Protein backbone atom coordinates (compact mmCIF):
# COMPACT_ATOMS: atom_id res chain seq x y z
CA MET A 1 51.17 153.94 180.42
CA ALA A 2 47.47 153.90 179.65
CA HIS A 3 45.12 151.29 180.28
CA VAL A 4 44.70 150.11 176.45
CA GLY A 5 41.14 148.10 176.83
CA ALA A 6 39.96 145.08 174.27
CA GLN A 7 38.15 147.21 171.92
CA SER A 8 41.11 149.01 170.82
CA ILE A 9 42.88 146.26 169.56
CA LEU A 10 40.05 144.53 167.79
CA GLY A 11 39.93 145.28 163.99
CA GLU A 12 36.35 145.13 162.41
CA ARG A 13 36.40 141.10 161.56
CA GLU A 14 37.33 140.31 165.17
CA ALA A 15 34.46 143.04 166.19
CA GLU A 16 32.10 140.80 164.02
CA LEU A 17 33.13 137.84 165.70
CA ARG A 18 33.78 139.12 169.13
CA ALA A 19 29.73 140.17 168.44
CA ALA A 20 28.95 136.60 167.00
CA GLU A 21 30.80 134.67 170.48
CA GLN A 22 28.96 137.12 172.63
CA SER A 23 25.53 135.91 171.31
CA LEU A 24 26.48 132.16 171.66
CA PHE A 25 27.46 132.98 175.24
CA ASP A 26 23.27 134.25 175.20
CA ARG A 27 21.97 132.29 173.97
CA LEU A 28 24.03 129.24 175.95
CA HIS A 29 23.00 130.79 179.02
CA HIS A 30 19.43 130.69 178.45
CA ALA A 31 19.37 127.24 177.32
CA LEU A 32 21.09 126.29 180.79
CA GLU A 33 18.40 128.40 182.37
CA GLN A 34 16.23 125.37 181.77
CA PHE A 35 17.99 123.35 184.08
CA GLY A 36 17.45 125.68 187.14
CA ALA A 37 19.16 124.64 190.42
CA ASP A 38 20.78 122.31 188.42
CA VAL A 39 23.38 124.55 186.99
CA THR A 40 26.11 124.18 189.11
CA ALA A 41 27.27 127.50 190.81
CA ALA A 42 30.80 127.06 189.29
CA ASP A 43 29.40 126.61 186.14
CA ALA A 44 27.81 129.53 186.58
CA ALA A 45 30.28 131.62 188.01
CA ARG A 46 32.50 130.42 184.97
CA LEU A 47 29.81 130.89 182.18
CA ARG A 48 29.62 134.89 183.88
CA GLU A 49 33.35 134.97 183.74
CA ALA A 50 33.59 133.68 180.65
CA THR A 51 31.32 136.38 179.41
CA GLU A 52 33.19 138.69 181.21
CA GLN A 53 36.37 138.04 179.88
CA LEU A 54 35.34 138.99 176.40
CA ALA A 55 35.05 142.63 177.46
CA GLU A 56 38.56 142.44 179.40
CA LEU A 57 42.01 143.08 179.22
CA PHE A 58 43.95 139.76 178.38
CA LEU A 59 44.65 137.77 181.26
CA ILE A 60 47.69 135.50 181.70
CA VAL A 61 47.43 132.85 184.56
CA VAL A 62 50.44 132.01 186.73
CA ALA A 63 50.09 128.63 187.77
CA GLY A 64 52.45 126.11 189.41
CA GLU A 65 53.37 124.68 192.61
CA PHE A 66 54.26 126.59 195.34
CA ASN A 67 58.05 125.77 195.44
CA ALA A 68 58.37 126.58 191.45
CA GLY A 69 59.19 130.39 191.85
CA LYS A 70 55.96 131.44 190.69
CA SER A 71 56.06 135.18 192.55
CA SER A 72 59.95 135.42 191.64
CA PHE A 73 58.68 135.12 187.70
CA ILE A 74 56.42 137.60 187.94
CA ASN A 75 58.66 139.84 189.78
CA ALA A 76 61.54 139.46 187.02
CA LEU A 77 58.69 139.61 184.47
CA LEU A 78 57.80 143.11 185.31
CA GLY A 79 61.70 144.42 186.30
CA ASP A 80 60.43 145.16 189.90
CA ARG A 81 59.75 143.31 193.44
CA VAL A 82 55.75 143.18 193.53
CA LEU A 83 55.34 140.23 195.05
CA PRO A 84 56.83 138.54 197.87
CA GLU A 85 59.48 135.56 197.66
CA GLY A 86 60.11 132.93 200.11
CA VAL A 87 60.52 129.05 200.95
CA THR A 88 56.88 128.60 202.11
CA PRO A 89 54.08 129.45 200.46
CA THR A 90 54.07 133.05 200.11
CA THR A 91 50.38 133.33 197.74
CA ASP A 92 47.52 132.47 200.85
CA ARG A 93 45.11 134.29 197.79
CA ILE A 94 44.64 134.87 193.88
CA ASN A 95 46.79 138.39 192.93
CA ILE A 96 45.13 140.23 190.23
CA LEU A 97 47.63 142.59 188.83
CA ARG A 98 46.98 145.05 186.67
CA PHE A 99 48.48 148.70 185.76
CA GLY A 100 48.29 151.58 187.84
CA GLU A 101 50.15 155.16 188.03
CA GLN A 102 51.24 153.39 191.92
CA PRO A 103 51.69 150.89 193.54
CA ASP A 104 48.76 149.59 195.82
CA SER A 105 46.72 146.50 196.82
CA GLN A 106 42.61 146.18 197.64
CA LEU A 107 41.04 143.11 199.06
CA LEU A 108 38.26 142.68 196.04
CA GLU A 109 36.87 139.18 198.29
CA ASP A 110 38.17 136.79 200.58
CA PHE A 111 41.38 135.26 198.86
CA LEU A 112 41.13 137.45 195.90
CA LEU A 113 43.58 140.66 195.71
CA LEU A 114 44.06 143.28 193.29
CA ARG A 115 47.68 144.63 193.18
CA THR A 116 48.32 147.66 190.94
CA HIS A 117 51.86 148.72 189.69
CA PRO A 118 53.21 151.19 187.06
CA ALA A 119 55.08 148.70 185.18
CA PRO A 120 54.84 148.72 181.10
CA LEU A 121 53.65 144.69 180.57
CA LEU A 122 50.71 145.73 182.47
CA GLY A 123 49.79 147.96 179.98
CA ASP A 124 48.43 145.14 178.04
CA LEU A 125 47.89 142.74 179.72
CA ASN A 126 46.73 141.53 183.43
CA ILE A 127 48.81 138.97 185.34
CA VAL A 128 47.24 136.35 188.08
CA ASP A 129 49.24 134.60 190.22
CA THR A 130 47.67 131.90 192.35
CA PRO A 131 48.55 129.69 194.96
CA GLY A 132 50.32 126.79 194.79
CA THR A 133 48.85 123.85 193.45
CA ASN A 134 50.36 121.69 196.10
CA ALA A 135 49.72 124.50 198.80
CA ILE A 136 49.48 122.46 202.09
CA ILE A 137 45.56 124.74 202.03
CA ARG A 138 43.45 122.88 200.11
CA ARG A 139 41.41 125.85 199.76
CA HIS A 140 44.34 128.13 198.00
CA GLU A 141 44.25 125.17 194.98
CA GLU A 142 40.46 125.21 194.60
CA LEU A 143 41.12 128.34 194.34
CA THR A 144 43.89 128.24 191.94
CA LYS A 145 41.02 125.90 189.82
CA ARG A 146 38.24 128.15 189.57
CA PHE A 147 40.13 130.80 188.13
CA VAL A 148 41.56 129.26 185.17
CA PRO A 149 38.65 129.23 183.21
CA ARG A 150 38.85 132.78 182.82
CA SER A 151 42.65 132.54 181.46
CA ASP A 152 43.71 133.51 177.99
CA LEU A 153 47.26 132.10 178.71
CA VAL A 154 48.38 130.43 181.28
CA LEU A 155 51.76 130.12 182.13
CA PHE A 156 52.77 126.62 184.05
CA ILE A 157 55.65 127.43 186.07
CA THR A 158 57.56 123.95 186.80
CA SER A 159 60.70 123.68 188.45
CA ALA A 160 64.33 122.59 187.76
CA ASP A 161 65.17 120.35 190.63
CA ARG A 162 61.38 119.21 191.13
CA PRO A 163 60.21 118.96 187.11
CA PHE A 164 56.67 117.63 186.02
CA THR A 165 55.62 116.02 189.58
CA GLU A 166 52.63 114.22 190.11
CA SER A 167 50.50 117.32 191.21
CA GLU A 168 51.31 119.48 188.66
CA ARG A 169 50.63 116.52 186.29
CA THR A 170 47.16 116.18 187.77
CA PHE A 171 46.88 120.10 187.35
CA LEU A 172 47.78 120.24 183.50
CA GLU A 173 44.95 117.99 182.93
CA HIS A 174 42.58 120.47 184.77
CA ILE A 175 43.37 123.00 182.54
CA ARG A 176 43.61 120.87 179.49
CA GLU A 177 39.97 119.79 179.77
CA TRP A 178 38.86 123.92 179.57
CA GLY A 179 41.36 124.27 176.72
CA LYS A 180 43.51 126.93 177.35
CA LYS A 181 46.75 127.77 175.60
CA ILE A 182 49.75 126.41 178.41
CA VAL A 183 53.04 127.52 177.79
CA LEU A 184 55.52 125.57 179.77
CA VAL A 185 58.51 127.70 181.91
CA ILE A 186 61.20 125.60 183.49
CA ASN A 187 62.37 127.96 186.32
CA LYS A 188 65.76 127.17 188.14
CA ILE A 189 67.70 126.99 185.34
CA ASP A 190 70.47 128.05 186.77
CA ILE A 191 71.12 125.05 189.27
CA LEU A 192 71.64 122.74 186.04
CA ASP A 193 74.82 122.13 184.26
CA GLU A 194 74.29 122.32 180.38
CA LYS A 195 74.15 119.05 179.82
CA GLY A 196 71.22 118.70 182.70
CA ARG A 197 69.51 121.53 181.38
CA GLY A 198 69.35 119.58 178.13
CA GLU A 199 67.65 116.52 180.12
CA VAL A 200 65.45 118.36 182.08
CA ILE A 201 64.32 120.05 178.69
CA GLU A 202 63.60 116.99 176.81
CA PHE A 203 62.37 115.10 180.12
CA VAL A 204 59.49 118.01 180.53
CA ARG A 205 58.68 118.34 176.82
CA SER A 206 57.84 114.72 176.39
CA ASN A 207 55.89 113.99 179.34
CA ALA A 208 53.49 117.46 177.93
CA THR A 209 53.20 116.43 174.84
CA THR A 210 51.71 112.81 175.75
CA LEU A 211 49.79 114.62 178.59
CA LEU A 212 48.96 117.60 176.26
CA GLY A 213 48.24 115.63 173.08
CA SER A 214 50.66 118.34 170.82
CA THR A 215 53.99 120.12 172.62
CA PRO A 216 53.63 123.44 173.76
CA MET A 217 55.84 126.27 174.09
CA ILE A 218 58.88 125.72 176.46
CA PHE A 219 61.24 128.67 177.99
CA ALA A 220 63.84 127.52 180.57
CA VAL A 221 64.63 130.20 183.07
CA SER A 222 66.32 131.56 186.14
CA ALA A 223 63.96 134.31 187.20
CA ARG A 224 66.45 134.96 190.54
CA SER A 225 68.97 135.66 187.72
CA ALA A 226 66.52 137.91 185.40
CA LEU A 227 65.50 140.16 188.61
CA ARG A 228 68.93 140.78 189.69
CA ALA A 229 69.67 141.43 186.14
CA HIS A 230 67.51 144.10 186.15
CA GLU A 231 68.38 145.30 189.46
CA ASN A 232 71.87 145.90 188.62
CA ASP A 233 71.37 146.28 185.07
CA ASP A 234 73.37 143.34 183.99
CA PRO A 235 73.05 142.65 180.40
CA LYS A 236 75.42 139.51 180.62
CA LEU A 237 73.07 138.20 183.76
CA TRP A 238 70.12 138.96 181.36
CA SER A 239 71.10 136.92 178.82
CA GLU A 240 72.04 134.23 181.33
CA SER A 241 68.62 134.28 182.76
CA GLY A 242 66.99 132.91 179.30
CA PHE A 243 64.35 135.71 179.95
CA ASN A 244 65.30 137.15 176.81
CA ALA A 245 63.27 135.07 175.14
CA MET A 246 60.36 134.91 177.48
CA GLU A 247 59.99 138.33 176.89
CA GLU A 248 60.50 137.99 173.43
CA TYR A 249 57.88 135.80 173.16
CA LEU A 250 55.24 137.97 175.37
CA LEU A 251 56.20 141.68 173.63
CA ARG A 252 56.27 140.50 169.95
CA THR A 253 55.57 136.86 169.31
CA LEU A 254 52.66 137.09 170.94
CA ASP A 255 51.36 140.31 169.18
CA GLN A 256 48.35 142.26 169.49
CA GLY A 257 46.83 139.99 166.83
CA GLU A 258 47.94 136.66 168.48
CA ARG A 259 46.24 137.94 172.00
CA VAL A 260 43.04 139.08 169.96
CA ARG A 261 42.90 135.49 169.10
CA LEU A 262 43.15 134.42 172.10
CA LYS A 263 41.03 136.63 173.49
CA LEU A 264 38.35 135.26 171.45
CA LEU A 265 39.30 131.57 171.85
CA ASN A 266 39.74 131.10 175.21
CA PRO A 267 35.82 131.97 176.38
CA LEU A 268 35.06 129.24 173.73
CA GLY A 269 36.84 126.63 175.59
CA VAL A 270 34.84 127.52 178.41
CA GLY A 271 31.55 127.83 176.35
CA GLN A 272 31.84 124.56 174.34
CA LYS A 273 32.94 122.41 177.50
CA LEU A 274 29.42 123.71 179.66
CA ALA A 275 27.84 123.26 176.32
CA THR A 276 28.68 119.76 176.20
CA THR A 277 28.45 119.03 179.60
CA TYR A 278 24.91 120.14 179.86
CA ARG A 279 23.97 118.70 176.28
CA THR A 280 25.34 115.59 177.53
CA ALA A 281 23.35 115.42 181.08
CA SER A 282 20.22 116.35 178.72
CA ASP A 283 20.96 113.66 176.77
CA GLU A 284 21.29 111.10 179.98
CA ARG A 285 18.26 112.65 181.57
CA LEU A 286 16.06 112.33 178.07
CA HIS A 287 17.28 108.81 178.02
CA THR A 288 16.44 108.72 181.99
CA LEU A 289 12.58 109.93 181.29
CA SER A 290 12.16 107.95 177.45
CA GLU A 291 12.30 105.12 180.51
CA ASP A 292 9.82 106.87 182.80
CA ILE A 293 7.79 107.84 179.47
CA LYS A 294 7.35 104.01 178.76
CA ALA A 295 6.31 103.29 182.37
CA ILE A 296 3.66 106.12 181.88
CA ASN A 297 2.60 105.00 179.08
CA ASN A 298 2.73 100.83 179.98
CA ILE A 299 0.22 102.18 182.92
CA GLU A 300 -1.56 103.99 180.86
CA GLY A 301 -2.00 100.89 178.61
CA GLN A 302 -2.44 98.43 181.25
CA ILE A 303 -5.83 101.25 182.31
CA GLN A 304 -7.01 100.69 178.88
CA VAL A 305 -6.59 97.27 178.26
CA TYR A 306 -8.02 97.34 182.23
CA LYS A 307 -11.44 98.91 181.06
CA ALA A 308 -11.78 97.51 177.21
CA ASP A 309 -11.16 94.10 179.50
CA MET A 310 -14.22 95.07 181.73
CA GLN A 311 -16.37 95.99 179.16
CA ARG A 312 -15.98 92.75 177.74
CA ASP A 313 -16.27 90.69 179.96
CA PHE A 314 -19.17 92.65 181.78
CA THR A 315 -21.46 91.85 178.67
CA PRO A 316 -21.50 87.97 179.60
CA ARG A 317 -22.37 88.69 183.23
CA ILE A 318 -24.81 90.72 182.58
CA ALA A 319 -26.47 88.21 180.12
CA GLN A 320 -26.85 86.11 182.73
CA LEU A 321 -29.42 88.36 184.83
CA GLU A 322 -31.08 89.04 181.62
CA ASN A 323 -31.24 84.66 181.10
CA LEU A 324 -32.66 84.36 184.75
CA ILE A 325 -35.10 87.17 183.72
CA HIS A 326 -36.09 85.93 181.14
CA GLU A 327 -36.55 82.63 182.32
CA PHE A 328 -39.06 83.93 184.83
CA GLU A 329 -40.72 85.53 182.30
CA GLN A 330 -41.48 81.91 180.73
CA ARG A 331 -42.79 80.76 183.99
CA GLY A 332 -45.19 83.47 184.29
CA HIS A 333 -46.69 82.64 181.20
CA THR A 334 -46.38 79.15 181.66
CA PHE A 335 -48.33 80.02 185.25
CA PHE A 336 -50.99 81.88 183.24
CA ASP A 337 -51.82 79.18 180.66
CA GLU A 338 -52.22 76.49 183.30
CA GLN A 339 -53.76 78.78 186.00
CA ILE A 340 -56.40 81.60 183.86
CA ARG A 341 -58.50 78.74 182.19
CA LEU A 342 -62.35 77.62 182.39
CA GLY A 343 -61.20 74.23 184.52
CA ARG A 344 -59.23 76.60 187.32
CA ALA A 345 -62.19 79.34 187.73
CA ARG A 346 -63.12 78.30 191.26
CA ASP A 347 -59.06 79.03 192.05
CA LEU A 348 -59.32 82.46 190.14
CA ILE A 349 -61.56 83.75 193.17
CA LYS A 350 -59.32 82.65 196.08
CA LYS A 351 -56.25 85.64 195.63
CA ASP A 352 -54.25 84.61 198.57
CA LEU A 353 -53.72 80.57 196.51
CA LEU A 354 -53.13 82.57 193.27
CA GLU A 355 -50.45 84.68 194.77
CA GLN A 356 -48.80 81.77 196.77
CA ARG A 357 -48.47 79.83 193.70
CA PHE A 358 -47.27 82.55 191.32
CA ARG A 359 -44.57 82.63 194.40
CA ASP A 360 -44.07 79.15 194.21
CA GLN A 361 -44.07 78.77 190.65
CA VAL A 362 -42.73 82.05 188.94
CA VAL A 363 -40.94 83.70 191.18
CA SER A 364 -39.44 80.31 193.16
CA ASP A 365 -35.40 81.51 193.58
CA LEU A 366 -35.40 84.55 191.62
CA ASP A 367 -34.27 86.69 194.63
CA ALA A 368 -31.30 83.62 195.62
CA GLU A 369 -30.10 83.49 191.82
CA THR A 370 -30.55 86.76 191.73
CA ASP A 371 -27.99 87.81 194.35
CA ARG A 372 -26.12 85.21 193.81
CA ILE A 373 -25.04 86.92 189.72
CA THR A 374 -24.77 90.03 191.05
CA GLN A 375 -22.54 88.81 193.76
CA GLN A 376 -20.22 87.35 191.06
CA ILE A 377 -20.42 90.27 189.48
CA ILE A 378 -19.16 92.34 193.14
CA ASP A 379 -16.35 90.03 193.25
CA TRP A 380 -15.72 90.11 189.58
CA LEU A 381 -15.25 94.49 190.03
CA ILE A 382 -12.85 93.93 193.57
CA GLU A 383 -10.78 91.34 192.00
CA ARG A 384 -10.36 93.21 188.90
CA ASN A 385 -9.80 96.30 190.74
CA LEU A 386 -7.40 95.44 193.10
CA LYS A 387 -5.71 93.82 190.16
CA LEU A 388 -5.29 96.90 188.35
CA TRP A 389 -3.46 98.35 191.58
CA GLN A 390 -1.51 95.80 192.01
CA ASP A 391 0.09 95.68 188.59
CA VAL A 392 0.60 99.59 188.87
CA ASN A 393 2.55 99.18 192.33
CA ALA A 394 4.37 96.32 191.00
CA TYR A 395 5.27 98.84 187.51
CA ILE A 396 6.41 101.56 190.15
CA ASP A 397 8.25 99.40 192.17
CA ARG A 398 10.04 98.55 189.45
CA ARG A 399 11.02 102.14 188.95
CA GLN A 400 12.14 102.94 192.22
CA ILE A 401 14.45 99.73 192.09
CA SER A 402 16.23 101.71 188.71
CA ARG A 403 16.96 104.94 190.50
CA HIS A 404 20.24 103.12 191.33
CA LYS A 405 21.05 102.80 187.77
CA ASP A 406 20.51 106.49 186.63
CA GLU A 407 23.84 108.86 187.02
CA MET A 408 23.74 112.57 186.22
CA VAL A 409 26.87 113.29 184.07
CA GLY A 410 30.06 115.09 186.17
CA ASN A 411 29.43 117.17 188.94
CA VAL A 412 25.98 118.39 187.09
CA GLY A 413 23.39 119.42 189.84
CA GLN A 414 21.28 116.54 191.11
CA ASN A 415 17.62 118.37 191.88
CA PHE A 416 16.45 116.76 188.46
CA ASN A 417 17.34 113.36 190.07
CA TYR A 418 16.19 114.06 193.66
CA ASN A 419 13.09 115.61 192.49
CA ARG A 420 12.37 112.47 190.30
CA GLN A 421 13.16 110.23 192.59
CA ALA A 422 10.89 111.75 195.10
CA LEU A 423 7.87 111.81 192.95
CA ILE A 424 8.46 107.42 192.25
CA ASP A 425 8.87 106.87 196.14
CA SER A 426 5.93 109.07 196.78
CA VAL A 427 3.87 107.38 194.51
CA GLY A 428 4.80 104.25 195.24
CA ARG A 429 4.13 104.36 198.31
CA SER A 430 0.88 105.85 197.90
CA THR A 431 0.01 102.36 195.61
CA SER A 432 1.54 100.27 197.75
CA GLN A 433 -0.60 101.71 200.72
CA ILE A 434 -3.62 101.51 199.00
CA VAL A 435 -2.50 98.01 197.93
CA GLN A 436 -2.19 96.72 201.47
CA SER A 437 -5.31 98.27 202.71
CA TYR A 438 -7.16 96.68 200.13
CA ASN A 439 -10.34 95.38 202.18
CA ARG A 440 -12.21 92.20 199.99
CA ASP A 441 -15.01 92.50 202.45
CA ALA A 442 -15.65 95.87 203.01
CA GLU A 443 -15.05 97.09 199.26
CA ALA A 444 -17.42 94.54 198.03
CA LYS A 445 -20.16 95.80 201.22
CA GLN A 446 -19.70 99.02 199.55
CA LEU A 447 -20.24 98.68 196.13
CA ALA A 448 -23.37 96.29 196.82
CA MET A 449 -24.86 99.12 198.47
CA ASP A 450 -23.70 101.74 195.96
CA LEU A 451 -24.90 99.58 193.24
CA GLN A 452 -28.51 98.46 195.27
CA GLY A 453 -29.18 102.33 195.90
CA THR A 454 -28.58 102.88 191.61
CA ILE A 455 -31.44 100.17 191.16
CA ALA A 456 -33.39 101.34 193.54
CA THR A 457 -33.26 105.12 192.74
CA THR A 458 -33.84 104.27 188.96
CA ALA A 459 -37.02 101.61 189.27
CA LEU A 460 -38.00 102.53 192.59
CA THR A 461 -38.88 104.95 195.58
CA GLY A 462 -39.39 104.15 198.73
CA VAL A 463 -36.94 100.99 199.60
CA GLY A 464 -35.17 100.79 202.67
CA ALA A 465 -31.93 98.41 202.51
CA VAL A 466 -33.21 95.65 200.98
CA GLY A 467 -30.99 92.59 198.92
CA PHE A 468 -30.82 92.24 195.63
CA GLY A 469 -33.31 89.26 195.32
CA ALA A 470 -35.73 90.53 197.63
CA LEU A 471 -35.30 94.29 195.33
CA PHE A 472 -36.09 92.58 192.05
CA VAL A 473 -39.04 90.48 193.71
CA ILE A 474 -40.44 93.54 195.01
CA LEU A 475 -40.02 94.79 191.53
CA ALA A 476 -41.79 91.79 190.09
CA HIS A 477 -44.57 91.93 192.38
CA GLY A 478 -45.77 94.11 189.82
CA ALA A 479 -46.67 91.88 188.00
CA LEU A 480 -48.15 89.77 190.09
CA LEU A 481 -50.95 92.48 191.31
CA ASP A 482 -52.06 92.89 187.96
CA PHE A 483 -52.16 89.52 187.21
CA THR A 484 -54.18 89.04 190.03
CA GLY A 485 -56.51 91.63 189.45
CA ILE A 486 -57.13 90.56 186.02
CA SER A 487 -57.80 87.18 187.36
CA LEU A 488 -60.32 88.50 189.70
CA SER A 489 -62.12 90.55 187.10
CA VAL A 490 -62.69 87.45 185.02
CA LEU A 491 -65.24 86.57 187.62
CA ALA A 492 -67.27 89.75 187.06
CA VAL A 493 -68.09 89.30 183.10
CA ALA A 494 -70.66 88.00 181.89
CA GLY A 495 -70.14 84.74 179.89
CA GLY A 496 -66.62 84.63 180.96
CA ALA A 497 -66.02 81.20 179.54
CA TYR A 498 -65.51 82.97 175.80
CA LEU A 499 -63.46 85.73 177.78
CA ILE A 500 -61.27 83.81 179.40
CA PRO A 501 -58.60 83.38 176.81
CA ALA A 502 -58.65 86.93 175.67
CA LYS A 503 -58.04 87.76 178.92
CA ARG A 504 -55.34 85.42 179.71
CA ALA A 505 -53.64 86.64 176.42
CA GLN A 506 -54.24 90.51 177.98
CA ALA A 507 -52.49 89.33 181.31
CA LYS A 508 -49.42 87.53 179.62
CA ARG A 509 -48.86 90.99 177.91
CA GLU A 510 -49.24 92.91 180.58
CA PHE A 511 -46.67 90.38 182.24
CA HIS A 512 -44.20 90.51 179.32
CA LYS A 513 -44.58 94.69 179.51
CA LYS A 514 -43.74 94.47 183.21
CA VAL A 515 -41.08 92.58 182.74
CA SER A 516 -39.09 93.97 180.27
CA GLU A 517 -39.56 97.01 182.22
CA LEU A 518 -38.16 95.25 184.73
CA ARG A 519 -35.15 93.82 182.80
CA ASP A 520 -34.49 97.39 180.85
CA LYS A 521 -34.46 98.91 184.92
CA ILE A 522 -32.23 96.14 185.98
CA VAL A 523 -29.42 95.70 183.23
CA ARG A 524 -29.99 100.07 182.74
CA SER A 525 -28.93 100.71 185.92
CA LEU A 526 -26.32 97.92 187.07
CA SER A 527 -24.49 98.82 183.77
CA LYS A 528 -24.74 102.44 184.69
CA GLN A 529 -23.00 101.70 188.24
CA VAL A 530 -20.75 99.18 186.95
CA TYR A 531 -18.80 101.26 184.66
CA ALA A 532 -19.39 104.08 186.86
CA GLU A 533 -17.31 102.14 188.85
CA ILE A 534 -14.64 100.82 186.32
CA ASP A 535 -14.64 104.95 185.44
CA GLN A 536 -13.95 105.52 189.43
CA SER A 537 -11.22 103.60 189.67
CA ILE A 538 -9.32 104.72 186.98
CA GLU A 539 -9.55 108.19 187.81
CA ARG A 540 -8.41 107.33 191.22
CA VAL A 541 -4.95 105.37 189.76
CA THR A 542 -4.58 108.49 186.77
CA GLU A 543 -4.62 110.97 189.98
CA THR A 544 -2.35 108.90 191.89
CA VAL A 545 0.31 108.75 189.29
CA ALA A 546 -0.45 112.03 187.86
CA PRO A 547 2.11 114.14 189.22
CA TYR A 548 4.75 111.98 188.28
CA THR A 549 3.41 111.93 184.63
CA ARG A 550 3.32 115.74 184.68
CA PHE A 551 7.05 115.92 185.31
CA VAL A 552 8.05 113.30 183.21
CA LYS A 553 6.04 115.12 180.39
CA PHE A 554 7.29 118.62 181.83
CA GLN A 555 10.51 117.97 181.87
CA ASN A 556 10.63 115.82 178.86
CA GLU A 557 9.36 118.63 176.85
CA GLN A 558 11.58 121.33 178.59
CA LEU A 559 15.03 119.08 178.31
CA GLN A 560 14.27 118.49 174.50
CA GLU A 561 14.50 122.03 174.12
CA ALA A 562 17.69 122.17 176.22
CA ARG A 563 18.86 120.13 174.41
CA ASN A 564 18.32 121.06 171.02
CA GLU A 565 19.71 124.62 171.87
CA LEU A 566 22.61 123.71 173.52
CA ALA A 567 23.24 121.17 170.73
CA SER A 568 22.97 124.14 168.10
CA VAL A 569 24.63 125.99 170.21
CA GLU A 570 27.71 123.74 170.47
CA GLN A 571 27.84 123.56 166.97
CA ALA A 572 28.14 127.22 166.42
CA LEU A 573 30.84 127.35 168.79
CA GLY A 574 32.90 124.67 166.63
CA ARG A 575 32.29 126.42 163.48
CA LEU A 576 33.10 129.98 165.19
CA ARG A 577 36.17 129.02 166.42
CA GLY A 578 37.29 127.63 162.92
CA GLU A 579 36.84 131.16 162.07
CA ILE A 580 38.17 132.71 165.04
CA GLU A 581 41.72 130.14 164.23
CA ALA A 582 42.00 131.47 160.70
CA LEU A 583 42.71 135.21 161.44
C-alpha cells in the first residue's frame, strides 16, 4: 500500500489551520530563544518534534508496563508477529513501525529502532512501541516519557490480571500533562470470566475517570487470541478476542477527519504546555527582577540622597572657614586703625616690629583654626563616604540572603538564577572588601594631600608640602607685605601728618582686596575638591554595582518582551484549539 502523507488528507480549512499552527510554533521558538541556555534540552527537543509532527503521518504511541502485553497487542493489530514477545522485557528500545514493502529494521540512534512492515494499517498511520513503564532499566522508562509528547494518540495497555497499577497511574499523569488523547486497552481479558471482566472494566473506568478528569475510551481485548485468530483464520476466536471493536475504532470511527483533528490538536498540547511553562517562568523571574530593580533604585536613591546631603551639609562647614577669614580681616582693619596714626609714627619705621605685631594680633591662631576646620571637613567626608559604602554593602548582602527564596519554575534551566546570583555575590564581595579594608587615617591623609595640592595649585606656585594653616598664612602674608610697604612709604611723604589717614584708608582697601581674593581662592578651590571627592565616591559605588545593574536592566527588558510574546502565543494557541475542535 502506498505511503500516505499528512498533507494529502488535509482539506483547505485544515491546511489553513495547520499553517496557523506552524506560524505560532515559529513564534514560540523565537520567544524561547530569549531564554538561551535556560531552555532545557528536553523542551527544545519537544518543540522541534511537535513542529515536525505537523507534517508526519498520524502517530500512535503504545505504552504500558512490560508485562501488559504491548508487543502482543501490536502484533495482533498488524496481523503478524512483527515484534518479539515474551514474559521478560522484550523491548529495550523505542520501535517506530512504518509501512514498507518488505520487513526491515534500521537503528536510527541509540535506543531508537525503525521497523518497516507491509501491514495495511501502517499505510495510514505509524505506531511506536515503547519499553515498559516499570522496566528494570530506568533508561527505558525515560525513553518512553520523552517520546510521548510526539504522539497523536496514546494507546495505554494495562493487564487484566494487574489492572491500573501505581506505576501505570504515575505514567498516565505524565501523559495527561501533555494533553494527549488517551485510549485505555485492558489486555489478557481471556483469563477472566464474564463477571470478572465487568469488575475489571469498571475498576479501570472509575480510576481513569478520576485521574484524567473525563471518561476515556476503554477496550477489553485478548491480543493472544486475536493473533491466533489471524494466523488460523478463525472468525469465532477473533470475535471472542474483542479486537473487532478495537479495529473498528482505529479504522472507521477514528477516520481521516478525526485523525486530522487529533494531528493538529496534539502538537497544540505540547506548544501550550511549553508556552505556559516558560511564561510562568518569565513571571517568576520578572518578579525576582522587580525586587532587584527595587534594590538598584534603592541604591541609586541612597546615592542621590548622599550627594544632596553632602552638598547641603558642606555649606555650613565652608561657612565656618569663611567666618574665620572674615574675623581675620576684621582684626586686620582694627590693627591698621591702631598702628597707622601719627602717635605711632616712630613704630611705622620699625618693619620687623610691625610684622611681629601683625602676626601676633592679626594672623594669631589662623593656622591652627584653619587646620581644625579643614580637618573637620576631611573627617566628615571620610565618615560619610564610609557610611555610603556600608549602606550599599548591607543592602547587597540582604539581596544575597534572598537568593534562597528565588526558586525557578519546574525544570526550566537555572543559568539565569546562577548568573544573577553570581553577580550579586561578586558585587557583595567587592563592597564588603572595600568596607573591611577602609583605612580612615590613610584616606584622610590622602584627601588632605589632594585638598592642599588643589589649593596650592589654585592660589600659589612653588609651595611644598605644608599644612592648611601654614598655607593660609602664606596667602595672608601678601597682605602683610602690602601693609608694611604702605606704612614705610608714609615716612617718605612730606606732610605725612595729614596723609596718614589717607594711607590708612588705602591700606585697609588693599587689605580687604587681598583678603577677598584669599577667601575666593580658598572657598573655590576647597569646594571644587570636596565636590570632586563626592562625585568620585559616587562614581566608585556606581561602577562597583554596574555589572549587577546592567544585568538586571537587560534581563528585565528581554524577559518582558519574551513574557508578552509567550502570553500572546499561549492565548492564540487556545483560540486555535477551539477552532480545531470545532472541525
